[in-house]
Amino acid sequence: PDYRVVIPLLPIYDMPLTQASVPGLVSYVEGFVKALELPS
């Protein structure tokens, strides 16, 4: 009622194995924020 609540489904089970790491998931979130054009 008071906030915009946004929850990405993190690709923990199907992301490329070479990217399956904390830095890889952070990069995923950065891409998600950009794709949805979230506020600054």
All heavy atoms as atom14 arrays in JSON, in Angstrom:
{
  "sequence": "PDYRVVIPLLPIYDMPLTQASVPGLVSYVEGFVKALELPS",
  "atom14_mask": [
    [1, 1, 1, 1, 1, 1, 1, 0, 0, 0, 0, 0, 0, 0],
    [1, 1, 1, 1, 1, 1, 1, 1, 0, 0, 0, 0, 0, 0],
    [1, 1, 1, 1, 1, 1, 1, 1, 1, 1, 1, 1, 0, 0],
    [1, 1, 1, 1, 1, 1, 1, 1, 1, 1, 1, 0, 0, 0],
    [1, 1, 1, 1, 1, 1, 1, 0, 0, 0, 0, 0, 0, 0],
    [1, 1, 1, 1, 1, 1, 1, 0, 0, 0, 0, 0, 0, 0],
    [1, 1, 1, 1, 1, 1, 1, 1, 0, 0, 0, 0, 0, 0],
    [1, 1, 1, 1, 1, 1, 1, 0, 0, 0, 0, 0, 0, 0],
    [1, 1, 1, 1, 1, 1, 1, 1, 0, 0, 0, 0, 0, 0],
    [1, 1, 1, 1, 1, 1, 1, 1, 0, 0, 0, 0, 0, 0],
    [1, 1, 1, 1, 1, 1, 1, 0, 0, 0, 0, 0, 0, 0],
    [1, 1, 1, 1, 1, 1, 1, 1, 0, 0, 0, 0, 0, 0],
    [1, 1, 1, 1, 1, 1, 1, 1, 1, 1, 1, 1, 0, 0],
    [1, 1, 1, 1, 1, 1, 1, 1, 0, 0, 0, 0, 0, 0],
    [1, 1, 1, 1, 1, 1, 1, 1, 0, 0, 0, 0, 0, 0],
    [1, 1, 1, 1, 1, 1, 1, 0, 0, 0, 0, 0, 0, 0],
    [1, 1, 1, 1, 1, 1, 1, 1, 0, 0, 0, 0, 0, 0],
    [1, 1, 1, 1, 1, 1, 1, 0, 0, 0, 0, 0, 0, 0],
    [1, 1, 1, 1, 1, 1, 1, 1, 1, 0, 0, 0, 0, 0],
    [1, 1, 1, 1, 1, 0, 0, 0, 0, 0, 0, 0, 0, 0],
    [1, 1, 1, 1, 1, 1, 0, 0, 0, 0, 0, 0, 0, 0],
    [1, 1, 1, 1, 1, 1, 1, 0, 0, 0, 0, 0, 0, 0],
    [1, 1, 1, 1, 1, 1, 1, 0, 0, 0, 0, 0, 0, 0],
    [1, 1, 1, 1, 0, 0, 0, 0, 0, 0, 0, 0, 0, 0],
    [1, 1, 1, 1, 1, 1, 1, 1, 0, 0, 0, 0, 0, 0],
    [1, 1, 1, 1, 1, 1, 1, 0, 0, 0, 0, 0, 0, 0],
    [1, 1, 1, 1, 1, 1, 0, 0, 0, 0, 0, 0, 0, 0],
    [1, 1, 1, 1, 1, 1, 1, 1, 1, 1, 1, 1, 0, 0],
    [1, 1, 1, 1, 1, 1, 1, 0, 0, 0, 0, 0, 0, 0],
    [1, 1, 1, 1, 1, 1, 1, 1, 1, 0, 0, 0, 0, 0],
    [1, 1, 1, 1, 0, 0, 0, 0, 0, 0, 0, 0, 0, 0],
    [1, 1, 1, 1, 1, 1, 1, 1, 1, 1, 1, 0, 0, 0],
    [1, 1, 1, 1, 1, 1, 1, 0, 0, 0, 0, 0, 0, 0],
    [1, 1, 1, 1, 1, 1, 1, 1, 1, 0, 0, 0, 0, 0],
    [1, 1, 1, 1, 1, 0, 0, 0, 0, 0, 0, 0, 0, 0],
    [1, 1, 1, 1, 1, 1, 1, 1, 0, 0, 0, 0, 0, 0],
    [1, 1, 1, 1, 1, 1, 1, 1, 1, 0, 0, 0, 0, 0],
    [1, 1, 1, 1, 1, 1, 1, 1, 0, 0, 0, 0, 0, 0],
    [1, 1, 1, 1, 1, 1, 1, 0, 0, 0, 0, 0, 0, 0],
    [1, 1, 1, 1, 1, 1, 0, 0, 0, 0, 0, 0, 0, 0]
  ],
  "atom14_positions": [
    [[0.8, -1.22, 0.0], [0.0, 0.0, 0.0], [0.84, 1.28, 0.0], [0.37, 2.34, -0.44], [-0.82, -0.11, 1.29], [-0.93, -1.58, 1.54], [0.41, -2.12, 1.12], [0.0, 0.0, 0.0], [0.0, 0.0, 0.0], [0.0, 0.0, 0.0], [0.0, 0.0, 0.0], [0.0, 0.0, 0.0], [0.0, 0.0, 0.0], [0.0, 0.0, 0.0]],
    [[2.08, 1.2, 0.49], [2.92, 2.4, 0.65], [4.22, 2.36, -0.14], [4.89, 3.37, -0.27], [3.27, 2.61, 2.13], [2.03, 2.62, 3.02], [1.16, 3.47, 2.78], [1.95, 1.76, 3.92], [0.0, 0.0, 0.0], [0.0, 0.0, 0.0], [0.0, 0.0, 0.0], [0.0, 0.0, 0.0], [0.0, 0.0, 0.0], [0.0, 0.0, 0.0]],
    [[4.58, 1.18, -0.63], [5.87, 1.01, -1.29], [5.71, 0.18, -2.56], [4.76, -0.6, -2.69], [6.88, 0.31, -0.37], [7.27, 1.13, 0.84], [6.51, 1.07, 2.01], [8.38, 1.97, 0.81], [6.86, 1.83, 3.12], [8.73, 2.73, 1.91], [7.97, 2.66, 3.07], [8.31, 3.41, 4.15], [0.0, 0.0, 0.0], [0.0, 0.0, 0.0]],
    [[6.66, 0.33, -3.45], [6.77, -0.54, -4.61], [7.74, -1.67, -4.23], [8.93, -1.42, -3.99], [7.3, 0.22, -5.82], [7.47, -0.63, -7.08], [8.11, 0.18, -8.2], [8.42, -0.67, -9.35], [9.12, -0.25, -10.41], [9.6, 1.0, -10.44], [9.36, -1.08, -11.41], [0.0, 0.0, 0.0], [0.0, 0.0, 0.0], [0.0, 0.0, 0.0]],
    [[7.24, -2.87, -4.12], [8.03, -4.01, -3.68], [8.45, -4.83, -4.9], [7.59, -5.33, -5.64], [7.25, -4.88, -2.68], [8.12, -6.04, -2.2], [6.79, -4.05, -1.48], [0.0, 0.0, 0.0], [0.0, 0.0, 0.0], [0.0, 0.0, 0.0], [0.0, 0.0, 0.0], [0.0, 0.0, 0.0], [0.0, 0.0, 0.0], [0.0, 0.0, 0.0]],
    [[9.75, -4.97, -5.09], [10.3, -5.64, -6.27], [11.18, -6.81, -5.81], [12.05, -6.64, -4.96], [11.15, -4.67, -7.12], [11.7, -5.38, -8.35], [10.33, -3.45, -7.52], [0.0, 0.0, 0.0], [0.0, 0.0, 0.0], [0.0, 0.0, 0.0], [0.0, 0.0, 0.0], [0.0, 0.0, 0.0], [0.0, 0.0, 0.0], [0.0, 0.0, 0.0]],
    [[10.92, -8.01, -6.35], [11.66, -9.2, -5.95], [12.12, -9.95, -7.2], [11.31, -10.58, -7.88], [10.82, -10.17, -5.11], [9.91, -9.42, -4.12], [11.71, -11.16, -4.38], [8.91, -10.34, -3.42], [0.0, 0.0, 0.0], [0.0, 0.0, 0.0], [0.0, 0.0, 0.0], [0.0, 0.0, 0.0], [0.0, 0.0, 0.0], [0.0, 0.0, 0.0]],
    [[13.41, -9.93, -7.52], [13.88, -10.75, -8.66], [14.03, -12.21, -8.23], [14.42, -12.51, -7.09], [15.24, -10.14, -8.98], [15.72, -9.58, -7.67], [14.48, -9.11, -6.93], [0.0, 0.0, 0.0], [0.0, 0.0, 0.0], [0.0, 0.0, 0.0], [0.0, 0.0, 0.0], [0.0, 0.0, 0.0], [0.0, 0.0, 0.0], [0.0, 0.0, 0.0]],
    [[13.71, -13.13, -9.12], [14.0, -14.54, -8.89], [15.46, -14.76, -9.29], [15.81, -14.68, -10.47], [13.08, -15.43, -9.73], [13.29, -16.93, -9.56], [12.99, -17.37, -8.14], [12.43, -17.72, -10.55], [0.0, 0.0, 0.0], [0.0, 0.0, 0.0], [0.0, 0.0, 0.0], [0.0, 0.0, 0.0], [0.0, 0.0, 0.0], [0.0, 0.0, 0.0]],
    [[16.3, -15.0, -8.31], [17.72, -15.15, -8.59], [17.97, -16.48, -9.31], [17.42, -17.51, -8.92], [18.52, -15.08, -7.28], [18.37, -13.77, -6.5], [19.13, -13.85, -5.18], [18.85, -12.58, -7.33], [0.0, 0.0, 0.0], [0.0, 0.0, 0.0], [0.0, 0.0, 0.0], [0.0, 0.0, 0.0], [0.0, 0.0, 0.0], [0.0, 0.0, 0.0]],
    [[18.83, -16.5, -10.33], [19.02, -17.69, -11.16], [20.0, -18.69, -10.54], [20.92, -19.19, -11.21], [19.57, -17.09, -12.46], [20.4, -15.94, -11.98], [19.63, -15.37, -10.8], [0.0, 0.0, 0.0], [0.0, 0.0, 0.0], [0.0, 0.0, 0.0], [0.0, 0.0, 0.0], [0.0, 0.0, 0.0], [0.0, 0.0, 0.0], [0.0, 0.0, 0.0]],
    [[19.79, -18.99, -9.27], [20.74, -19.82, -8.53], [20.91, -21.19, -9.16], [22.02, -21.74, -9.19], [20.26, -19.93, -7.06], [20.5, -18.59, -6.35], [20.96, -21.06, -6.32], [19.82, -18.47, -5.01], [0.0, 0.0, 0.0], [0.0, 0.0, 0.0], [0.0, 0.0, 0.0], [0.0, 0.0, 0.0], [0.0, 0.0, 0.0], [0.0, 0.0, 0.0]],
    [[19.83, -21.76, -9.7], [19.88, -23.15, -10.16], [20.21, -23.3, -11.64], [20.47, -24.41, -12.1], [18.54, -23.84, -9.89], [18.1, -23.73, -8.46], [16.79, -23.34, -8.14], [18.97, -23.99, -7.41], [16.38, -23.23, -6.82], [18.57, -23.87, -6.09], [17.27, -23.5, -5.79], [16.87, -23.38, -4.49], [0.0, 0.0, 0.0], [0.0, 0.0, 0.0]],
    [[20.19, -22.19, -12.38], [20.39, -22.35, -13.83], [21.33, -21.33, -14.45], [21.46, -21.28, -15.67], [19.04, -22.31, -14.56], [18.2, -21.08, -14.19], [18.76, -20.14, -13.61], [17.0, -21.09, -14.51], [0.0, 0.0, 0.0], [0.0, 0.0, 0.0], [0.0, 0.0, 0.0], [0.0, 0.0, 0.0], [0.0, 0.0, 0.0], [0.0, 0.0, 0.0]],
    [[22.02, -20.51, -13.64], [22.97, -19.57, -14.22], [24.2, -20.35, -14.71], [24.45, -21.48, -14.26], [23.37, -18.52, -13.19], [24.16, -19.05, -11.99], [24.29, -17.84, -10.64], [24.95, -16.4, -11.49], [0.0, 0.0, 0.0], [0.0, 0.0, 0.0], [0.0, 0.0, 0.0], [0.0, 0.0, 0.0], [0.0, 0.0, 0.0], [0.0, 0.0, 0.0]],
    [[24.96, -19.81, -15.66], [26.17, -20.49, -16.13], [27.07, -20.86, -14.95], [27.29, -20.03, -14.05], [26.83, -19.46, -17.04], [25.7, -18.6, -17.51], [24.75, -18.52, -16.35], [0.0, 0.0, 0.0], [0.0, 0.0, 0.0], [0.0, 0.0, 0.0], [0.0, 0.0, 0.0], [0.0, 0.0, 0.0], [0.0, 0.0, 0.0], [0.0, 0.0, 0.0]],
    [[27.59, -22.08, -14.96], [28.36, -22.56, -13.82], [29.58, -21.67, -13.55], [29.96, -21.47, -12.39], [28.81, -24.0, -14.07], [29.44, -24.74, -12.89], [28.54, -24.75, -11.67], [29.8, -26.17, -13.3], [0.0, 0.0, 0.0], [0.0, 0.0, 0.0], [0.0, 0.0, 0.0], [0.0, 0.0, 0.0], [0.0, 0.0, 0.0], [0.0, 0.0, 0.0]],
    [[30.16, -21.12, -14.59], [31.33, -20.24, -14.41], [30.98, -18.94, -13.7], [31.86, -18.25, -13.19], [31.96, -19.91, -15.77], [30.97, -19.32, -16.63], [32.54, -21.15, -16.43], [0.0, 0.0, 0.0], [0.0, 0.0, 0.0], [0.0, 0.0, 0.0], [0.0, 0.0, 0.0], [0.0, 0.0, 0.0], [0.0, 0.0, 0.0], [0.0, 0.0, 0.0]],
    [[29.68, -18.6, -13.68], [29.24, -17.37, -13.02], [28.54, -17.64, -11.69], [28.07, -16.71, -11.03], [28.29, -16.6, -13.94], [28.93, -16.17, -15.25], [27.9, -15.59, -16.21], [26.86, -15.08, -15.83], [28.21, -15.69, -17.51], [0.0, 0.0, 0.0], [0.0, 0.0, 0.0], [0.0, 0.0, 0.0], [0.0, 0.0, 0.0], [0.0, 0.0, 0.0]],
    [[28.45, -18.9, -11.28], [27.71, -19.28, -10.07], [28.52, -18.91, -8.84], [29.3, -19.72, -8.31], [27.4, -20.77, -10.1], [0.0, 0.0, 0.0], [0.0, 0.0, 0.0], [0.0, 0.0, 0.0], [0.0, 0.0, 0.0], [0.0, 0.0, 0.0], [0.0, 0.0, 0.0], [0.0, 0.0, 0.0], [0.0, 0.0, 0.0], [0.0, 0.0, 0.0]],
    [[28.34, -17.69, -8.39], [29.13, -17.14, -7.29], [28.42, -15.91, -6.75], [27.47, -15.41, -7.37], [30.53, -16.76, -7.78], [30.43, -15.73, -8.76], [0.0, 0.0, 0.0], [0.0, 0.0, 0.0], [0.0, 0.0, 0.0], [0.0, 0.0, 0.0], [0.0, 0.0, 0.0], [0.0, 0.0, 0.0], [0.0, 0.0, 0.0], [0.0, 0.0, 0.0]],
    [[28.9, -15.4, -5.64], [28.34, -14.15, -5.12], [28.54, -13.0, -6.11], [27.59, -12.29, -6.44], [28.94, -13.81, -3.73], [28.54, -12.39, -3.3], [28.46, -14.81, -2.68], [0.0, 0.0, 0.0], [0.0, 0.0, 0.0], [0.0, 0.0, 0.0], [0.0, 0.0, 0.0], [0.0, 0.0, 0.0], [0.0, 0.0, 0.0], [0.0, 0.0, 0.0]],
    [[29.75, -12.79, -6.64], [29.92, -11.72, -7.65], [29.01, -11.91, -8.86], [28.48, -10.94, -9.41], [31.4, -11.8, -8.03], [32.06, -12.4, -6.83], [31.06, -13.39, -6.29], [0.0, 0.0, 0.0], [0.0, 0.0, 0.0], [0.0, 0.0, 0.0], [0.0, 0.0, 0.0], [0.0, 0.0, 0.0], [0.0, 0.0, 0.0], [0.0, 0.0, 0.0]],
    [[28.82, -13.17, -9.31], [27.95, -13.42, -10.45], [26.51, -13.03, -10.17], [25.83, -12.46, -11.03], [0.0, 0.0, 0.0], [0.0, 0.0, 0.0], [0.0, 0.0, 0.0], [0.0, 0.0, 0.0], [0.0, 0.0, 0.0], [0.0, 0.0, 0.0], [0.0, 0.0, 0.0], [0.0, 0.0, 0.0], [0.0, 0.0, 0.0], [0.0, 0.0, 0.0]],
    [[26.03, -13.31, -8.96], [24.66, -12.94, -8.59], [24.52, -11.44, -8.39], [23.47, -10.86, -8.7], [24.25, -13.69, -7.33], [24.0, -15.19, -7.55], [23.95, -15.94, -6.23], [22.7, -15.42, -8.34], [0.0, 0.0, 0.0], [0.0, 0.0, 0.0], [0.0, 0.0, 0.0], [0.0, 0.0, 0.0], [0.0, 0.0, 0.0], [0.0, 0.0, 0.0]],
    [[25.56, -10.79, -7.91], [25.53, -9.33, -7.8], [25.42, -8.71, -9.19], [24.64, -7.77, -9.41], [26.78, -8.8, -7.06], [26.84, -7.27, -7.12], [26.77, -9.26, -5.6], [0.0, 0.0, 0.0], [0.0, 0.0, 0.0], [0.0, 0.0, 0.0], [0.0, 0.0, 0.0], [0.0, 0.0, 0.0], [0.0, 0.0, 0.0], [0.0, 0.0, 0.0]],
    [[26.18, -9.24, -10.14], [26.09, -8.74, -11.53], [24.69, -8.94, -12.09], [24.17, -8.08, -12.82], [27.11, -9.46, -12.42], [28.43, -9.15, -12.03], [0.0, 0.0, 0.0], [0.0, 0.0, 0.0], [0.0, 0.0, 0.0], [0.0, 0.0, 0.0], [0.0, 0.0, 0.0], [0.0, 0.0, 0.0], [0.0, 0.0, 0.0], [0.0, 0.0, 0.0]],
    [[24.07, -10.07, -11.74], [22.7, -10.33, -12.18], [21.75, -9.27, -11.63], [20.9, -8.73, -12.36], [22.27, -11.72, -11.72], [20.89, -12.11, -12.17], [20.68, -12.74, -13.39], [19.77, -11.84, -11.37], [19.41, -13.09, -13.81], [18.5, -12.2, -11.78], [18.32, -12.82, -13.0], [17.05, -13.17, -13.41], [0.0, 0.0, 0.0], [0.0, 0.0, 0.0]],
    [[21.89, -8.94, -10.35], [21.03, -7.92, -9.75], [21.28, -6.56, -10.39], [20.33, -5.8, -10.65], [21.24, -7.87, -8.22], [20.5, -6.68, -7.6], [20.78, -9.17, -7.57], [0.0, 0.0, 0.0], [0.0, 0.0, 0.0], [0.0, 0.0, 0.0], [0.0, 0.0, 0.0], [0.0, 0.0, 0.0], [0.0, 0.0, 0.0], [0.0, 0.0, 0.0]],
    [[22.52, -6.24, -10.67], [22.82, -4.98, -11.34], [22.14, -4.91, -12.7], [21.57, -3.86, -13.07], [24.34, -4.82, -11.48], [25.03, -4.57, -10.15], [26.55, -4.62, -10.24], [27.08, -5.21, -11.21], [27.2, -4.07, -9.34], [0.0, 0.0, 0.0], [0.0, 0.0, 0.0], [0.0, 0.0, 0.0], [0.0, 0.0, 0.0], [0.0, 0.0, 0.0]],
    [[22.16, -6.0, -13.45], [21.48, -6.04, -14.74], [19.98, -5.92, -14.59], [19.31, -5.25, -15.4], [0.0, 0.0, 0.0], [0.0, 0.0, 0.0], [0.0, 0.0, 0.0], [0.0, 0.0, 0.0], [0.0, 0.0, 0.0], [0.0, 0.0, 0.0], [0.0, 0.0, 0.0], [0.0, 0.0, 0.0], [0.0, 0.0, 0.0], [0.0, 0.0, 0.0]],
    [[19.43, -6.55, -13.56], [18.0, -6.49, -13.3], [17.56, -5.06, -12.98], [16.56, -4.57, -13.51], [17.66, -7.42, -12.13], [16.24, -7.34, -11.66], [15.21, -7.93, -12.37], [15.93, -6.67, -10.48], [13.9, -7.85, -11.93], [14.63, -6.6, -10.02], [13.6, -7.18, -10.76], [0.0, 0.0, 0.0], [0.0, 0.0, 0.0], [0.0, 0.0, 0.0]],
    [[18.31, -4.39, -12.12], [17.99, -3.0, -11.75], [17.99, -2.1, -12.98], [17.11, -1.25, -13.16], [18.99, -2.48, -10.69], [18.88, -0.97, -10.51], [18.77, -3.19, -9.36], [0.0, 0.0, 0.0], [0.0, 0.0, 0.0], [0.0, 0.0, 0.0], [0.0, 0.0, 0.0], [0.0, 0.0, 0.0], [0.0, 0.0, 0.0], [0.0, 0.0, 0.0]],
    [[18.96, -2.32, -13.85], [19.04, -1.54, -15.09], [17.89, -1.85, -16.03], [17.28, -0.95, -16.6], [20.38, -1.81, -15.77], [20.6, -0.99, -17.03], [21.98, -1.25, -17.62], [22.21, -0.43, -18.88], [23.56, -0.68, -19.47], [0.0, 0.0, 0.0], [0.0, 0.0, 0.0], [0.0, 0.0, 0.0], [0.0, 0.0, 0.0], [0.0, 0.0, 0.0]],
    [[17.56, -3.14, -16.17], [16.5, -3.54, -17.09], [15.15, -2.98, -16.67], [14.34, -2.59, -17.52], [16.44, -5.07, -17.17], [0.0, 0.0, 0.0], [0.0, 0.0, 0.0], [0.0, 0.0, 0.0], [0.0, 0.0, 0.0], [0.0, 0.0, 0.0], [0.0, 0.0, 0.0], [0.0, 0.0, 0.0], [0.0, 0.0, 0.0], [0.0, 0.0, 0.0]],
    [[14.88, -2.95, -15.36], [13.6, -2.44, -14.87], [13.6, -0.92, -14.71], [12.58, -0.34, -14.36], [13.23, -3.09, -13.53], [12.23, -4.25, -13.65], [12.88, -5.43, -14.37], [11.7, -4.67, -12.3], [0.0, 0.0, 0.0], [0.0, 0.0, 0.0], [0.0, 0.0, 0.0], [0.0, 0.0, 0.0], [0.0, 0.0, 0.0], [0.0, 0.0, 0.0]],
    [[14.74, -0.3, -14.95], [14.88, 1.15, -14.81], [14.37, 1.6, -13.45], [13.56, 2.54, -13.33], [14.15, 1.87, -15.94], [14.68, 1.51, -17.32], [13.96, 2.26, -18.44], [12.86, 2.81, -18.19], [14.49, 2.31, -19.55], [0.0, 0.0, 0.0], [0.0, 0.0, 0.0], [0.0, 0.0, 0.0], [0.0, 0.0, 0.0], [0.0, 0.0, 0.0]],
    [[14.86, 0.93, -12.4], [14.47, 1.3, -11.05], [14.98, 2.69, -10.72], [15.95, 3.17, -11.34], [15.0, 0.29, -10.04], [14.42, -1.13, -10.13], [14.95, -1.99, -8.98], [12.89, -1.11, -10.09], [0.0, 0.0, 0.0], [0.0, 0.0, 0.0], [0.0, 0.0, 0.0], [0.0, 0.0, 0.0], [0.0, 0.0, 0.0], [0.0, 0.0, 0.0]],
    [[14.36, 3.36, -9.75], [14.78, 4.72, -9.4], [16.26, 4.78, -9.0], [16.89, 3.76, -8.72], [13.89, 5.07, -8.21], [12.7, 4.19, -8.35], [13.2, 2.92, -8.97], [0.0, 0.0, 0.0], [0.0, 0.0, 0.0], [0.0, 0.0, 0.0], [0.0, 0.0, 0.0], [0.0, 0.0, 0.0], [0.0, 0.0, 0.0], [0.0, 0.0, 0.0]],
    [[16.78, 6.0, -8.94], [18.21, 6.18, -8.69], [18.6, 5.82, -7.27], [19.78, 5.65, -6.97], [18.61, 7.63, -8.97], [17.86, 8.51, -8.15], [0.0, 0.0, 0.0], [0.0, 0.0, 0.0], [0.0, 0.0, 0.0], [0.0, 0.0, 0.0], [0.0, 0.0, 0.0], [0.0, 0.0, 0.0], [0.0, 0.0, 0.0], [0.0, 0.0, 0.0]]
  ]
}
